[in-house]
């Protein structure tokens, strides 16, 4: 099969289209004939040599995909060959075929085409698990997402709004700020021109926000704590702003705040299956009702995976950058 593979750690230029062995599904797995996959920040980190896949996982990039079931592994029930699915992966999406545990399969939401479906699993599962399952964002509470125009941010804004929260979002350009507002953000902040801490305090009469989804990391830890409401919760899912920073424990204790940091990729299969089931149960109906729309910035062929990485690194996109595996 064809796959976009990294010839070694380095820049986008190390990604090349190559012929590699087609995988076979193991016990409890399915083989998917991939239609599309999407580019995530984790892919860039892995390409650079900074985020190796878990033991036993394909070294091919790609944390999500859509397509049709090509083969069922031993012990798989409830699915049929030929069914259209999308899937959360630990790797292997940048290829014509990929294997996935059956517990990480989801049906394609009604009304969503198969290419767009390849952009949904990673962001939807991340937002559902971190913001709602772990941080317990409730109707009437306030929510702040950093990187509101990213793939994660575009889903987070819409899902929080659909669940009855007041939504704050940060972004780096006026165009991206406008995109956040169009998606439902009540307050959109250009972090290059405004201090998000000051805006949050002004817009909440000093009370702060209840939940923060942080894609930045160390650079924002102080500002995030300063923006928390009493009993507020910070969910950290990214480290583009560094991995080590100074945390004022006194300020965190004063607001009885909590910080939770986690990713999806290395979690046990049973945890990922539970997240996938929760995402499909709670997020899919909102997509099918038109209350949440997947935002795709552009679609490129698999052969242009290197260009897709350059686009993501430049942060000029709004939403997801998708790779159509079938396109020449």
C-alpha atoms as a PDB file:
ATOM      1  CA  UNK A   1       0.000   0.000   0.000  1.00  0.00           C
ATOM      2  CA  UNK A   2       1.006   3.635  -0.307  1.00  0.00           C
ATOM      3  CA  UNK A   3       1.744   5.668   2.821  1.00  0.00           C
ATOM      4  CA  UNK A   4       3.297   9.010   3.672  1.00  0.00           C
ATOM      5  CA  UNK A   5       6.282   8.086   5.819  1.00  0.00           C
ATOM      6  CA  UNK A   6       9.090  10.014   7.487  1.00  0.00           C
ATOM      7  CA  UNK A   7      12.522   9.069   6.160  1.00  0.00           C
ATOM      8  CA  UNK A   8      13.945  10.224   9.495  1.00  0.00           C
ATOM      9  CA  UNK A   9      13.413  12.936  12.091  1.00  0.00           C
ATOM     10  CA  UNK A  10      13.388  16.427  10.622  1.00  0.00           C
ATOM     11  CA  UNK A  11      11.326  19.055   8.852  1.00  0.00           C
ATOM     12  CA  UNK A  12       8.331  18.521   6.580  1.00  0.00           C
ATOM     13  CA  UNK A  13      10.637  17.558   3.722  1.00  0.00           C
ATOM     14  CA  UNK A  14      11.324  14.156   5.362  1.00  0.00           C
ATOM     15  CA  UNK A  15       7.735  13.088   4.559  1.00  0.00           C
ATOM     16  CA  UNK A  16       7.657  11.058   1.347  1.00  0.00           C
ATOM     17  CA  UNK A  17       5.137   8.805  -0.368  1.00  0.00           C
ATOM     18  CA  UNK A  18       6.335   5.197  -0.266  1.00  0.00           C
ATOM     19  CA  UNK A  19       5.193   1.608  -0.754  1.00  0.00           C
ATOM     20  CA  UNK A  20       4.978  -0.201   2.598  1.00  0.00           C
ATOM     21  CA  UNK A  21       3.481  -3.511   3.749  1.00  0.00           C
ATOM     22  CA  UNK A  22      -0.282  -3.512   4.209  1.00  0.00           C
ATOM     23  CA  UNK A  23      -1.177  -4.228   7.867  1.00  0.00           C
ATOM     24  CA  UNK A  24      -3.382  -7.099   9.021  1.00  0.00           C
ATOM     25  CA  UNK A  25      -5.921  -6.777  11.820  1.00  0.00           C
ATOM     26  CA  UNK A  26      -5.161  -8.599  15.044  1.00  0.00           C
ATOM     27  CA  UNK A  27      -7.628  -9.933  17.579  1.00  0.00           C
ATOM     28  CA  UNK A  28     -10.264  -7.315  18.347  1.00  0.00           C
ATOM     29  CA  UNK A  29      -9.142  -5.083  15.475  1.00  0.00           C
ATOM     30  CA  UNK A  30     -10.484  -4.101  12.070  1.00  0.00           C
ATOM     31  CA  UNK A  31      -8.685  -3.146   8.876  1.00  0.00           C
ATOM     32  CA  UNK A  32      -9.921   0.136   7.392  1.00  0.00           C
ATOM     33  CA  UNK A  33      -9.518   1.130   3.763  1.00  0.00           C
ATOM     34  CA  UNK A  34      -8.725   4.755   4.468  1.00  0.00           C
ATOM     35  CA  UNK A  35     -10.533   7.566   2.688  1.00  0.00           C
ATOM     36  CA  UNK A  36      -9.114  10.495   4.653  1.00  0.00           C
ATOM     37  CA  UNK A  37      -7.027  11.400   7.654  1.00  0.00           C
ATOM     38  CA  UNK A  38      -6.180  14.738   9.264  1.00  0.00           C
ATOM     39  CA  UNK A  39      -3.021  16.465  10.450  1.00  0.00           C
ATOM     40  CA  UNK A  40      -2.606  17.120  14.173  1.00  0.00           C
ATOM     41  CA  UNK A  41       0.098  18.916  16.148  1.00  0.00           C
ATOM     42  CA  UNK A  42       1.176  15.558  17.542  1.00  0.00           C
ATOM     43  CA  UNK A  43       2.064  14.478  13.989  1.00  0.00           C
ATOM     44  CA  UNK A  44       4.479  17.396  13.668  1.00  0.00           C
ATOM     45  CA  UNK A  45       6.076  16.482  16.992  1.00  0.00           C
ATOM     46  CA  UNK A  46       6.480  12.839  15.935  1.00  0.00           C
ATOM     47  CA  UNK A  47       7.978  13.848  12.580  1.00  0.00           C
ATOM     48  CA  UNK A  48      10.526  15.976  14.450  1.00  0.00           C
ATOM     49  CA  UNK A  49      11.481  12.990  16.614  1.00  0.00           C
ATOM     50  CA  UNK A  50       9.898  14.371  19.791  1.00  0.00           C
ATOM     51  CA  UNK A  51       6.804  12.176  20.165  1.00  0.00           C
ATOM     52  CA  UNK A  52       7.472   8.490  19.473  1.00  0.00           C
ATOM     53  CA  UNK A  53       4.465   6.178  19.100  1.00  0.00           C
ATOM     54  CA  UNK A  54       3.564   3.833  21.964  1.00  0.00           C
ATOM     55  CA  UNK A  55       5.114   0.367  21.921  1.00  0.00           C
ATOM     56  CA  UNK A  56       3.598  -1.853  19.260  1.00  0.00           C
ATOM     57  CA  UNK A  57       1.894   0.989  17.375  1.00  0.00           C
ATOM     58  CA  UNK A  58       2.542   1.763  13.696  1.00  0.00           C
ATOM     59  CA  UNK A  59       5.318   4.292  13.141  1.00  0.00           C
ATOM     60  CA  UNK A  60       3.264   5.822  10.299  1.00  0.00           C
ATOM     61  CA  UNK A  61       1.788   9.184  11.309  1.00  0.00           C
ATOM     62  CA  UNK A  62      -1.934   9.792  11.669  1.00  0.00           C
ATOM     63  CA  UNK A  63      -4.139   9.740  14.779  1.00  0.00           C
ATOM     64  CA  UNK A  64      -7.529   9.498  13.059  1.00  0.00           C
ATOM     65  CA  UNK A  65      -9.115   8.368   9.830  1.00  0.00           C
ATOM     66  CA  UNK A  66     -12.310   7.689   7.947  1.00  0.00           C
ATOM     67  CA  UNK A  67     -13.036   4.982   5.435  1.00  0.00           C
ATOM     68  CA  UNK A  68     -14.656   1.585   4.948  1.00  0.00           C
ATOM     69  CA  UNK A  69     -14.073  -1.620   6.859  1.00  0.00           C
ATOM     70  CA  UNK A  70     -11.993  -3.940   4.676  1.00  0.00           C
ATOM     71  CA  UNK A  71     -11.510  -6.860   7.083  1.00  0.00           C
ATOM     72  CA  UNK A  72     -12.557  -7.943  10.561  1.00  0.00           C
ATOM     73  CA  UNK A  73      -9.988  -9.387  12.923  1.00  0.00           C
ATOM     74  CA  UNK A  74     -10.667 -12.392  15.158  1.00  0.00           C
ATOM     75  CA  UNK A  75     -13.358 -11.791  17.765  1.00  0.00           C
ATOM     76  CA  UNK A  76     -14.818  -8.611  16.258  1.00  0.00           C
ATOM     77  CA  UNK A  77     -18.607  -8.401  16.322  1.00  0.00           C
ATOM     78  CA  UNK A  78     -21.119  -5.649  15.656  1.00  0.00           C
ATOM     79  CA  UNK A  79     -19.376  -4.382  12.502  1.00  0.00           C
ATOM     80  CA  UNK A  80     -19.488  -5.507   8.887  1.00  0.00           C
ATOM     81  CA  UNK A  81     -17.077  -5.375   5.975  1.00  0.00           C
ATOM     82  CA  UNK A  82     -17.954  -2.408   3.767  1.00  0.00           C
ATOM     83  CA  UNK A  83     -19.381  -0.223   6.556  1.00  0.00           C
ATOM     84  CA  UNK A  84     -18.363   3.432   6.520  1.00  0.00           C
ATOM     85  CA  UNK A  85     -16.612   4.395   9.752  1.00  0.00           C
ATOM     86  CA  UNK A  86     -14.287   6.912  11.305  1.00  0.00           C
ATOM     87  CA  UNK A  87     -11.765   5.930  13.942  1.00  0.00           C
ATOM     88  CA  UNK A  88      -9.481   7.174  16.681  1.00  0.00           C
ATOM     89  CA  UNK A  89      -5.978   5.820  16.048  1.00  0.00           C
ATOM     90  CA  UNK A  90      -2.698   5.682  17.918  1.00  0.00           C
ATOM     91  CA  UNK A  91      -0.911   5.861  14.556  1.00  0.00           C
ATOM     92  CA  UNK A  92      -1.078   4.697  10.965  1.00  0.00           C
ATOM     93  CA  UNK A  93      -3.600   7.101   9.425  1.00  0.00           C
ATOM     94  CA  UNK A  94      -1.385   8.488   6.638  1.00  0.00           C
ATOM     95  CA  UNK A  95      -1.858   5.342   4.544  1.00  0.00           C
ATOM     96  CA  UNK A  96      -4.250   3.523   2.221  1.00  0.00           C
ATOM     97  CA  UNK A  97      -5.040   0.987   4.965  1.00  0.00           C
ATOM     98  CA  UNK A  98      -4.922   1.226   8.764  1.00  0.00           C
ATOM     99  CA  UNK A  99      -5.848  -1.030  11.653  1.00  0.00           C
ATOM    100  CA  UNK A 100      -7.866   0.109  14.651  1.00  0.00           C
ATOM    101  CA  UNK A 101      -9.254  -1.562  17.780  1.00  0.00           C
ATOM    102  CA  UNK A 102     -12.972  -2.165  17.288  1.00  0.00           C
ATOM    103  CA  UNK A 103     -13.667  -0.107  20.414  1.00  0.00           C
ATOM    104  CA  UNK A 104     -12.262   2.976  18.685  1.00  0.00           C
ATOM    105  CA  UNK A 105     -14.580   2.841  15.679  1.00  0.00           C
ATOM    106  CA  UNK A 106     -17.473   5.256  15.257  1.00  0.00           C
ATOM    107  CA  UNK A 107     -20.174   5.422  12.651  1.00  0.00           C
ATOM    108  CA  UNK A 108     -19.983   8.423  10.316  1.00  0.00           C
ATOM    109  CA  UNK A 109     -22.435  11.096  11.515  1.00  0.00           C
ATOM    110  CA  UNK A 110     -25.473  11.427   9.248  1.00  0.00           C
ATOM    111  CA  UNK A 111     -25.040  14.248   6.746  1.00  0.00           C
ATOM    112  CA  UNK A 112     -21.222  14.247   6.947  1.00  0.00           C
ATOM    113  CA  UNK A 113     -19.225  13.168   3.897  1.00  0.00           C
ATOM    114  CA  UNK A 114     -16.499  10.589   4.306  1.00  0.00           C
ATOM    115  CA  UNK A 115     -13.612  13.017   3.703  1.00  0.00           C
ATOM    116  CA  UNK A 116     -14.833  15.468   6.338  1.00  0.00           C
ATOM    117  CA  UNK A 117     -15.408  12.566   8.729  1.00  0.00           C
ATOM    118  CA  UNK A 118     -11.667  11.966   8.755  1.00  0.00           C
ATOM    119  CA  UNK A 119     -11.211  15.293  10.551  1.00  0.00           C
ATOM    120  CA  UNK A 120     -13.516  14.582  13.487  1.00  0.00           C
ATOM    121  CA  UNK A 121     -12.377  11.717  15.790  1.00  0.00           C
ATOM    122  CA  UNK A 122      -9.256  13.158  17.445  1.00  0.00           C
ATOM    123  CA  UNK A 123     -10.647  16.621  18.185  1.00  0.00           C
ATOM    124  CA  UNK A 124     -14.131  15.462  19.178  1.00  0.00           C
ATOM    125  CA  UNK A 125     -12.811  12.776  21.527  1.00  0.00           C
ATOM    126  CA  UNK A 126     -10.268  15.159  23.058  1.00  0.00           C
ATOM    127  CA  UNK A 127     -12.793  17.917  23.721  1.00  0.00           C
ATOM    128  CA  UNK A 128     -15.477  15.590  25.043  1.00  0.00           C
ATOM    129  CA  UNK A 129     -13.114  13.777  27.404  1.00  0.00           C
ATOM    130  CA  UNK A 130     -11.188  16.790  28.703  1.00  0.00           C
ATOM    131  CA  UNK A 131     -13.887  19.461  28.896  1.00  0.00           C
ATOM    132  CA  UNK A 132     -16.987  17.475  29.794  1.00  0.00           C
ATOM    133  CA  UNK A 133     -16.028  14.027  31.065  1.00  0.00           C
ATOM    134  CA  UNK A 134     -13.102  15.240  33.214  1.00  0.00           C
ATOM    135  CA  UNK A 135     -13.669  18.963  33.786  1.00  0.00           C
ATOM    136  CA  UNK A 136     -17.465  18.634  34.083  1.00  0.00           C
ATOM    137  CA  UNK A 137     -18.353  21.847  32.234  1.00  0.00           C
ATOM    138  CA  UNK A 138     -22.015  22.428  33.021  1.00  0.00           C
ATOM    139  CA  UNK A 139     -24.773  24.580  31.491  1.00  0.00           C
ATOM    140  CA  UNK A 140     -24.549  28.150  32.734  1.00  0.00           C
ATOM    141  CA  UNK A 141     -20.822  27.967  33.445  1.00  0.00           C
ATOM    142  CA  UNK A 142     -18.138  29.889  31.565  1.00  0.00           C
ATOM    143  CA  UNK A 143     -15.477  28.328  29.372  1.00  0.00           C
ATOM    144  CA  UNK A 144     -12.206  29.576  27.853  1.00  0.00           C
ATOM    145  CA  UNK A 145     -10.366  27.796  25.043  1.00  0.00           C
ATOM    146  CA  UNK A 146      -6.944  28.883  23.842  1.00  0.00           C
ATOM    147  CA  UNK A 147      -6.355  28.487  20.124  1.00  0.00           C
ATOM    148  CA  UNK A 148     -10.017  28.909  19.324  1.00  0.00           C
ATOM    149  CA  UNK A 149      -9.488  28.715  15.551  1.00  0.00           C
ATOM    150  CA  UNK A 150      -7.571  25.415  15.689  1.00  0.00           C
ATOM    151  CA  UNK A 151      -9.162  22.056  15.004  1.00  0.00           C
ATOM    152  CA  UNK A 152      -9.584  21.519  18.747  1.00  0.00           C
ATOM    153  CA  UNK A 153     -10.786  25.078  19.292  1.00  0.00           C
ATOM    154  CA  UNK A 154     -13.421  25.085  16.566  1.00  0.00           C
ATOM    155  CA  UNK A 155     -15.090  22.002  18.034  1.00  0.00           C
ATOM    156  CA  UNK A 156     -14.632  23.180  21.643  1.00  0.00           C
ATOM    157  CA  UNK A 157     -16.345  26.522  20.994  1.00  0.00           C
ATOM    158  CA  UNK A 158     -19.333  24.901  19.330  1.00  0.00           C
ATOM    159  CA  UNK A 159     -19.715  22.047  21.800  1.00  0.00           C
ATOM    160  CA  UNK A 160     -19.458  24.308  24.853  1.00  0.00           C
ATOM    161  CA  UNK A 161     -21.982  26.715  23.338  1.00  0.00           C
ATOM    162  CA  UNK A 162     -24.358  23.876  22.459  1.00  0.00           C
ATOM    163  CA  UNK A 163     -24.154  22.678  26.071  1.00  0.00           C
ATOM    164  CA  UNK A 164     -25.199  26.083  27.390  1.00  0.00           C
ATOM    165  CA  UNK A 165     -21.863  27.598  28.463  1.00  0.00           C
ATOM    166  CA  UNK A 166     -20.663  31.169  28.010  1.00  0.00           C
ATOM    167  CA  UNK A 167     -17.671  30.820  25.696  1.00  0.00           C
ATOM    168  CA  UNK A 168     -14.397  32.762  25.636  1.00  0.00           C
ATOM    169  CA  UNK A 169     -11.729  32.051  22.999  1.00  0.00           C
ATOM    170  CA  UNK A 170      -8.254  33.353  22.185  1.00  0.00           C
ATOM    171  CA  UNK A 171      -6.746  33.552  18.694  1.00  0.00           C
ATOM    172  CA  UNK A 172      -3.801  35.298  17.056  1.00  0.00           C
ATOM    173  CA  UNK A 173      -5.283  37.348  14.203  1.00  0.00           C
ATOM    174  CA  UNK A 174      -8.389  39.407  13.588  1.00  0.00           C
ATOM    175  CA  UNK A 175      -9.486  36.896  10.930  1.00  0.00           C
ATOM    176  CA  UNK A 176      -9.224  34.048  13.435  1.00  0.00           C
ATOM    177  CA  UNK A 177     -10.975  36.100  16.116  1.00  0.00           C
ATOM    178  CA  UNK A 178     -13.843  36.667  13.676  1.00  0.00           C
ATOM    179  CA  UNK A 179     -13.950  32.939  12.938  1.00  0.00           C
ATOM    180  CA  UNK A 180     -14.275  32.210  16.672  1.00  0.00           C
ATOM    181  CA  UNK A 181     -17.193  34.617  16.909  1.00  0.00           C
ATOM    182  CA  UNK A 182     -18.842  33.035  13.874  1.00  0.00           C
ATOM    183  CA  UNK A 183     -18.620  29.653  15.600  1.00  0.00           C
ATOM    184  CA  UNK A 184     -20.388  30.987  18.690  1.00  0.00           C
ATOM    185  CA  UNK A 185     -17.749  32.467  20.975  1.00  0.00           C
ATOM    186  CA  UNK A 186     -19.337  35.149  23.171  1.00  0.00           C
ATOM    187  CA  UNK A 187     -15.976  36.808  23.770  1.00  0.00           C
ATOM    188  CA  UNK A 188     -13.107  36.399  21.269  1.00  0.00           C
ATOM    189  CA  UNK A 189      -9.691  37.763  22.252  1.00  0.00           C
ATOM    190  CA  UNK A 190      -6.752  38.617  19.994  1.00  0.00           C
ATOM    191  CA  UNK A 191      -3.944  37.549  22.320  1.00  0.00           C
ATOM    192  CA  UNK A 192      -1.389  39.572  20.343  1.00  0.00           C
ATOM    193  CA  UNK A 193      -3.252  42.786  21.157  1.00  0.00           C
ATOM    194  CA  UNK A 194      -5.043  42.045  24.429  1.00  0.00           C
ATOM    195  CA  UNK A 195      -4.204  40.397  27.737  1.00  0.00           C
ATOM    196  CA  UNK A 196      -6.649  37.524  28.020  1.00  0.00           C
ATOM    197  CA  UNK A 197      -6.498  37.670  31.821  1.00  0.00           C
ATOM    198  CA  UNK A 198      -7.656  41.285  31.847  1.00  0.00           C
ATOM    199  CA  UNK A 199     -10.407  40.617  29.311  1.00  0.00           C
ATOM    200  CA  UNK A 200     -11.699  37.619  31.258  1.00  0.00           C
ATOM    201  CA  UNK A 201     -11.769  39.587  34.502  1.00  0.00           C
ATOM    202  CA  UNK A 202     -13.518  42.542  32.862  1.00  0.00           C
ATOM    203  CA  UNK A 203     -16.104  40.358  31.144  1.00  0.00           C
ATOM    204  CA  UNK A 204     -16.883  38.331  34.274  1.00  0.00           C
ATOM    205  CA  UNK A 205     -16.832  41.206  36.812  1.00  0.00           C
ATOM    206  CA  UNK A 206     -13.725  39.684  38.302  1.00  0.00           C
ATOM    207  CA  UNK A 207     -15.248  36.254  38.862  1.00  0.00           C
ATOM    208  CA  UNK A 208     -13.194  34.362  36.255  1.00  0.00           C
ATOM    209  CA  UNK A 209     -14.117  31.360  34.129  1.00  0.00           C
ATOM    210  CA  UNK A 210     -15.075  27.895  35.319  1.00  0.00           C
ATOM    211  CA  UNK A 211     -13.175  25.738  32.815  1.00  0.00           C
ATOM    212  CA  UNK A 212     -10.115  26.439  30.648  1.00  0.00           C
ATOM    213  CA  UNK A 213      -8.976  24.195  27.802  1.00  0.00           C
ATOM    214  CA  UNK A 214      -5.300  24.990  27.330  1.00  0.00           C
ATOM    215  CA  UNK A 215      -3.447  24.057  24.150  1.00  0.00           C
ATOM    216  CA  UNK A 216      -0.420  26.232  25.008  1.00  0.00           C
ATOM    217  CA  UNK A 217       1.120  24.871  28.204  1.00  0.00           C
ATOM    218  CA  UNK A 218       3.770  26.456  30.418  1.00  0.00           C
ATOM    219  CA  UNK A 219       3.603  29.948  28.907  1.00  0.00           C
ATOM    220  CA  UNK A 220      -0.039  30.331  29.989  1.00  0.00           C
ATOM    221  CA  UNK A 221      -0.026  28.583  33.357  1.00  0.00           C
ATOM    222  CA  UNK A 222       0.088  31.806  35.373  1.00  0.00           C
ATOM    223  CA  UNK A 223      -2.531  33.568  33.296  1.00  0.00           C
ATOM    224  CA  UNK A 224      -4.797  30.541  33.389  1.00  0.00           C
ATOM    225  CA  UNK A 225      -4.715  30.336  37.181  1.00  0.00           C
ATOM    226  CA  UNK A 226      -5.347  34.090  37.402  1.00  0.00           C
ATOM    227  CA  UNK A 227      -8.392  33.647  35.144  1.00  0.00           C
ATOM    228  CA  UNK A 228     -10.030  30.871  37.161  1.00  0.00           C
ATOM    229  CA  UNK A 229     -13.304  31.209  38.990  1.00  0.00           C
ATOM    230  CA  UNK A 230     -13.746  29.615  42.399  1.00  0.00           C
ATOM    231  CA  UNK A 231     -13.475  25.826  42.034  1.00  0.00           C
ATOM    232  CA  UNK A 232     -12.328  26.373  38.428  1.00  0.00           C
ATOM    233  CA  UNK A 233     -10.723  23.641  36.357  1.00  0.00           C
ATOM    234  CA  UNK A 234      -7.827  23.807  33.884  1.00  0.00           C
ATOM    235  CA  UNK A 235      -7.450  21.027  31.303  1.00  0.00           C
ATOM    236  CA  UNK A 236      -4.024  21.034  29.625  1.00  0.00           C
ATOM    237  CA  UNK A 237      -3.709  19.219  26.282  1.00  0.00           C
ATOM    238  CA  UNK A 238      -0.807  21.012  24.562  1.00  0.00           C
ATOM    239  CA  UNK A 239       2.688  22.266  25.194  1.00  0.00           C
ATOM    240  CA  UNK A 240       3.517  24.537  22.242  1.00  0.00           C
ATOM    241  CA  UNK A 241       4.289  27.228  24.837  1.00  0.00           C
ATOM    242  CA  UNK A 242       6.754  25.085  26.758  1.00  0.00           C
ATOM    243  CA  UNK A 243       6.762  22.191  29.211  1.00  0.00           C
ATOM    244  CA  UNK A 244       8.059  23.889  32.376  1.00  0.00           C
ATOM    245  CA  UNK A 245       6.761  27.019  34.056  1.00  0.00           C
ATOM    246  CA  UNK A 246       6.221  28.580  37.469  1.00  0.00           C
ATOM    247  CA  UNK A 247       2.973  27.691  39.196  1.00  0.00           C
ATOM    248  CA  UNK A 248       1.672  29.916  41.999  1.00  0.00           C
ATOM    249  CA  UNK A 249       0.212  27.302  44.318  1.00  0.00           C
ATOM    250  CA  UNK A 250      -1.111  30.012  46.612  1.00  0.00           C
ATOM    251  CA  UNK A 251      -3.245  31.442  43.815  1.00  0.00           C
ATOM    252  CA  UNK A 252      -4.435  27.974  42.835  1.00  0.00           C
ATOM    253  CA  UNK A 253      -5.361  27.133  46.415  1.00  0.00           C
ATOM    254  CA  UNK A 254      -7.091  30.486  46.903  1.00  0.00           C
ATOM    255  CA  UNK A 255      -9.583  29.677  44.143  1.00  0.00           C
ATOM    256  CA  UNK A 256      -9.705  25.960  45.025  1.00  0.00           C
ATOM    257  CA  UNK A 257      -8.675  25.264  41.454  1.00  0.00           C
ATOM    258  CA  UNK A 258      -7.553  22.061  39.798  1.00  0.00           C
ATOM    259  CA  UNK A 259      -5.241  21.348  36.872  1.00  0.00           C
ATOM    260  CA  UNK A 260      -5.615  18.180  34.829  1.00  0.00           C
ATOM    261  CA  UNK A 261      -3.231  17.284  32.018  1.00  0.00           C
ATOM    262  CA  UNK A 262      -3.621  14.318  29.694  1.00  0.00           C
ATOM    263  CA  UNK A 263      -3.506  13.078  26.135  1.00  0.00           C
ATOM    264  CA  UNK A 264      -5.385  10.331  24.321  1.00  0.00           C
ATOM    265  CA  UNK A 265      -2.760   8.407  22.410  1.00  0.00           C
ATOM    266  CA  UNK A 266      -1.161   6.323  25.149  1.00  0.00           C
ATOM    267  CA  UNK A 267      -4.273   5.627  27.224  1.00  0.00           C
ATOM    268  CA  UNK A 268      -5.331   2.002  27.788  1.00  0.00           C
ATOM    269  CA  UNK A 269      -7.695   0.593  25.184  1.00  0.00           C
ATOM    270  CA  UNK A 270     -10.610   0.355  27.608  1.00  0.00           C
ATOM    271  CA  UNK A 271     -10.299   4.061  28.482  1.00  0.00           C
ATOM    272  CA  UNK A 272     -10.180   5.061  24.825  1.00  0.00           C
ATOM    273  CA  UNK A 273     -13.171   2.858  24.047  1.00  0.00           C
ATOM    274  CA  UNK A 274     -15.149   4.581  26.811  1.00  0.00           C
ATOM    275  CA  UNK A 275     -14.171   8.019  25.478  1.00  0.00           C
ATOM    276  CA  UNK A 276     -15.141   7.033  21.939  1.00  0.00           C
ATOM    277  CA  UNK A 277     -18.511   5.707  23.136  1.00  0.00           C
ATOM    278  CA  UNK A 278     -19.178   8.874  25.129  1.00  0.00           C
ATOM    279  CA  UNK A 279     -18.203  11.076  22.199  1.00  0.00           C
ATOM    280  CA  UNK A 280     -20.485   9.265  19.788  1.00  0.00           C
ATOM    281  CA  UNK A 281     -23.362   9.329  22.280  1.00  0.00           C
ATOM    282  CA  UNK A 282     -23.097  13.030  23.159  1.00  0.00           C
ATOM    283  CA  UNK A 283     -21.389  14.805  20.239  1.00  0.00           C
ATOM    284  CA  UNK A 284     -22.732  12.955  17.198  1.00  0.00           C
ATOM    285  CA  UNK A 285     -26.384  13.979  17.797  1.00  0.00           C
ATOM    286  CA  UNK A 286     -25.287  17.637  17.899  1.00  0.00           C
ATOM    287  CA  UNK A 287     -23.415  17.242  14.597  1.00  0.00           C
ATOM    288  CA  UNK A 288     -26.407  15.535  13.006  1.00  0.00           C
ATOM    289  CA  UNK A 289     -28.720  18.294  14.276  1.00  0.00           C
ATOM    290  CA  UNK A 290     -26.486  20.962  12.715  1.00  0.00           C
ATOM    291  CA  UNK A 291     -25.507  22.469  16.074  1.00  0.00           C
ATOM    292  CA  UNK A 292     -21.859  21.548  15.509  1.00  0.00           C
ATOM    293  CA  UNK A 293     -20.162  21.604  12.116  1.00  0.00           C
ATOM    294  CA  UNK A 294     -16.699  20.190  11.511  1.00  0.00           C
ATOM    295  CA  UNK A 295     -14.468  22.992  10.206  1.00  0.00           C
ATOM    296  CA  UNK A 296     -12.081  21.942   7.429  1.00  0.00           C
ATOM    297  CA  UNK A 297      -9.607  24.578   6.255  1.00  0.00           C
ATOM    298  CA  UNK A 298      -8.456  22.635   3.200  1.00  0.00           C
ATOM    299  CA  UNK A 299      -8.086  19.149   1.747  1.00  0.00           C
ATOM    300  CA  UNK A 300      -4.822  17.972   0.178  1.00  0.00           C
ATOM    301  CA  UNK A 301      -3.804  14.645  -1.387  1.00  0.00           C
ATOM    302  CA  UNK A 302      -1.714  12.255   0.702  1.00  0.00           C
ATOM    303  CA  UNK A 303       1.277  12.954  -1.534  1.00  0.00           C
ATOM    304  CA  UNK A 304       1.251  16.536  -0.202  1.00  0.00           C
ATOM    305  CA  UNK A 305       1.544  15.556   3.469  1.00  0.00           C
ATOM    306  CA  UNK A 306       4.705  17.669   3.760  1.00  0.00           C
ATOM    307  CA  UNK A 307       2.821  20.760   2.582  1.00  0.00           C
ATOM    308  CA  UNK A 308       0.025  19.983   5.059  1.00  0.00           C
ATOM    309  CA  UNK A 309       2.629  19.977   7.844  1.00  0.00           C
ATOM    310  CA  UNK A 310       3.986  23.337   6.680  1.00  0.00           C
ATOM    311  CA  UNK A 311       0.501  24.825   6.756  1.00  0.00           C
ATOM    312  CA  UNK A 312      -0.130  23.569  10.283  1.00  0.00           C
ATOM    313  CA  UNK A 313       3.257  24.797  11.495  1.00  0.00           C
ATOM    314  CA  UNK A 314       2.595  28.262  10.030  1.00  0.00           C
ATOM    315  CA  UNK A 315      -0.768  28.446  11.868  1.00  0.00           C
ATOM    316  CA  UNK A 316      -2.460  30.149   8.948  1.00  0.00           C
ATOM    317  CA  UNK A 317      -5.371  27.698   8.942  1.00  0.00           C
ATOM    318  CA  UNK A 318      -8.779  27.730  10.627  1.00  0.00           C
ATOM    319  CA  UNK A 319     -10.019  24.275  11.593  1.00  0.00           C
ATOM    320  CA  UNK A 320      -8.512  21.041  10.300  1.00  0.00           C
ATOM    321  CA  UNK A 321      -6.134  20.285   7.447  1.00  0.00           C
ATOM    322  CA  UNK A 322      -7.255  17.006   5.855  1.00  0.00           C
ATOM    323  CA  UNK A 323      -5.421  14.501   3.664  1.00  0.00           C
ATOM    324  CA  UNK A 324      -7.577  12.745   1.061  1.00  0.00           C
ATOM    325  CA  UNK A 325      -5.860   9.394   0.638  1.00  0.00           C
ATOM    326  CA  UNK A 326      -7.706   8.599  -2.600  1.00  0.00           C
ATOM    327  CA  UNK A 327      -6.733  11.790  -4.407  1.00  0.00           C
ATOM    328  CA  UNK A 328      -3.768  11.479  -6.812  1.00  0.00           C
END
